[in-house]
Amino acid sequence: MKYLYIVDYWVPFPQSEYGGVINVIAENDAEAFDKLLNEEQFHPDYKGRILPNVIKADKYELQHDYESGIVDAFVT
């Protein structure tokens, strides 16, 4: 079973003026965290903020077996 995670971007103002949202498909919080932690496009100084945002993210059960990974990211 996999889930779609809607994760709030974790970099604070002023480095990220407006924030953002990242959509991730994963089996659980640990896999979602791992996918986000290893993504090079995200600011490395704030990696400690990823897990709390994964835990509080909205999660939606998926009906089909999609590949795990980042589906879309909108960050400013």
C-alpha atoms as a PDB file:
ATOM      1  CA  MET A   1       0.000   0.000   0.000  1.00  0.00           C
ATOM      2  CA  LYS A   2       1.337   3.429  -0.940  1.00  0.00           C
ATOM      3  CA  TYR A   3       0.294   6.946  -0.046  1.00  0.00           C
ATOM      4  CA  LEU A   4       0.464  10.365  -1.614  1.00  0.00           C
ATOM      5  CA  TYR A   5       2.061  12.767   0.857  1.00  0.00           C
ATOM      6  CA  ILE A   6       1.390  16.499   0.535  1.00  0.00           C
ATOM      7  CA  VAL A   7       4.380  17.953   2.384  1.00  0.00           C
ATOM      8  CA  ASP A   8       4.847  21.627   3.266  1.00  0.00           C
ATOM      9  CA  TYR A   9       8.266  22.949   2.251  1.00  0.00           C
ATOM     10  CA  TRP A  10      10.443  23.373   5.337  1.00  0.00           C
ATOM     11  CA  VAL A  11      12.800  26.255   4.505  1.00  0.00           C
ATOM     12  CA  PRO A  12      11.858  29.371   6.517  1.00  0.00           C
ATOM     13  CA  PHE A  13      11.579  32.992   5.404  1.00  0.00           C
ATOM     14  CA  PRO A  14      13.632  34.767   3.981  1.00  0.00           C
ATOM     15  CA  GLN A  15      15.433  31.876   2.242  1.00  0.00           C
ATOM     16  CA  SER A  16      12.061  30.683   1.002  1.00  0.00           C
ATOM     17  CA  GLU A  17       9.886  33.764   0.812  1.00  0.00           C
ATOM     18  CA  TYR A  18       6.559  32.080   0.137  1.00  0.00           C
ATOM     19  CA  GLY A  19       7.154  28.423   1.012  1.00  0.00           C
ATOM     20  CA  GLY A  20       5.959  25.609  -1.141  1.00  0.00           C
ATOM     21  CA  VAL A  21       4.539  22.120  -1.312  1.00  0.00           C
ATOM     22  CA  ILE A  22       6.063  18.800  -2.327  1.00  0.00           C
ATOM     23  CA  ASN A  23       4.052  15.744  -3.431  1.00  0.00           C
ATOM     24  CA  VAL A  24       5.680  12.403  -2.663  1.00  0.00           C
ATOM     25  CA  ILE A  25       4.527   8.823  -3.174  1.00  0.00           C
ATOM     26  CA  ALA A  26       5.790   6.442  -0.480  1.00  0.00           C
ATOM     27  CA  GLU A  27       4.824   3.393   1.563  1.00  0.00           C
ATOM     28  CA  ASN A  28       5.377   5.127   4.909  1.00  0.00           C
ATOM     29  CA  ASP A  29       6.844   8.187   6.638  1.00  0.00           C
ATOM     30  CA  ALA A  30      10.352   6.708   6.625  1.00  0.00           C
ATOM     31  CA  GLU A  31      10.358   6.176   2.863  1.00  0.00           C
ATOM     32  CA  ALA A  32       8.920   9.653   2.203  1.00  0.00           C
ATOM     33  CA  PHE A  33      11.585  11.173   4.449  1.00  0.00           C
ATOM     34  CA  ASP A  34      14.326   9.235   2.637  1.00  0.00           C
ATOM     35  CA  LYS A  35      13.121  10.406  -0.789  1.00  0.00           C
ATOM     36  CA  LEU A  36      13.088  14.043   0.345  1.00  0.00           C
ATOM     37  CA  LEU A  37      16.356  13.854   2.276  1.00  0.00           C
ATOM     38  CA  ASN A  38      18.236  12.604  -0.776  1.00  0.00           C
ATOM     39  CA  GLU A  39      16.853  15.183  -3.207  1.00  0.00           C
ATOM     40  CA  GLU A  40      19.625  17.599  -4.204  1.00  0.00           C
ATOM     41  CA  GLN A  41      17.397  20.552  -5.176  1.00  0.00           C
ATOM     42  CA  PHE A  42      16.335  21.254  -1.587  1.00  0.00           C
ATOM     43  CA  HIS A  43      18.303  23.573   0.703  1.00  0.00           C
ATOM     44  CA  PRO A  44      20.792  21.418   2.684  1.00  0.00           C
ATOM     45  CA  ASP A  45      20.844  23.611   5.813  1.00  0.00           C
ATOM     46  CA  TYR A  46      17.266  22.705   6.735  1.00  0.00           C
ATOM     47  CA  LYS A  47      17.259  18.910   6.371  1.00  0.00           C
ATOM     48  CA  GLY A  48      16.437  18.597  10.078  1.00  0.00           C
ATOM     49  CA  ARG A  49      13.017  20.102   9.366  1.00  0.00           C
ATOM     50  CA  ILE A  50      11.989  17.505   6.775  1.00  0.00           C
ATOM     51  CA  LEU A  51      10.841  14.682   9.083  1.00  0.00           C
ATOM     52  CA  PRO A  52       8.449  16.806  11.200  1.00  0.00           C
ATOM     53  CA  ASN A  53       6.789  18.046   8.010  1.00  0.00           C
ATOM     54  CA  VAL A  54       6.503  14.499   6.644  1.00  0.00           C
ATOM     55  CA  ILE A  55       4.857  13.341   9.869  1.00  0.00           C
ATOM     56  CA  LYS A  56       2.278  16.134   9.824  1.00  0.00           C
ATOM     57  CA  ALA A  57       1.690  15.947   6.044  1.00  0.00           C
ATOM     58  CA  ASP A  58      -1.708  15.086   4.605  1.00  0.00           C
ATOM     59  CA  LYS A  59      -1.583  11.464   3.418  1.00  0.00           C
ATOM     60  CA  TYR A  60      -3.916   9.872   0.891  1.00  0.00           C
ATOM     61  CA  GLU A  61      -4.105   6.140   0.214  1.00  0.00           C
ATOM     62  CA  LEU A  62      -3.508   5.270  -3.432  1.00  0.00           C
ATOM     63  CA  GLN A  63      -5.579   2.679  -5.274  1.00  0.00           C
ATOM     64  CA  HIS A  64      -2.822   1.578  -7.665  1.00  0.00           C
ATOM     65  CA  ASP A  65       0.804   0.574  -7.193  1.00  0.00           C
ATOM     66  CA  TYR A  66       2.687   3.699  -8.243  1.00  0.00           C
ATOM     67  CA  GLU A  67       6.462   4.017  -8.125  1.00  0.00           C
ATOM     68  CA  SER A  68       7.741   5.736  -4.989  1.00  0.00           C
ATOM     69  CA  GLY A  69       9.331   9.143  -5.429  1.00  0.00           C
ATOM     70  CA  ILE A  70       8.770  12.852  -5.687  1.00  0.00           C
ATOM     71  CA  VAL A  71       5.861  13.520  -8.026  1.00  0.00           C
ATOM     72  CA  ASP A  72       5.951  17.312  -8.030  1.00  0.00           C
ATOM     73  CA  ALA A  73       7.609  20.122  -6.115  1.00  0.00           C
ATOM     74  CA  PHE A  74       6.680  23.779  -6.038  1.00  0.00           C
ATOM     75  CA  VAL A  75       9.056  25.785  -3.865  1.00  0.00           C
ATOM     76  CA  THR A  76      10.041  29.424  -3.833  1.00  0.00           C
END
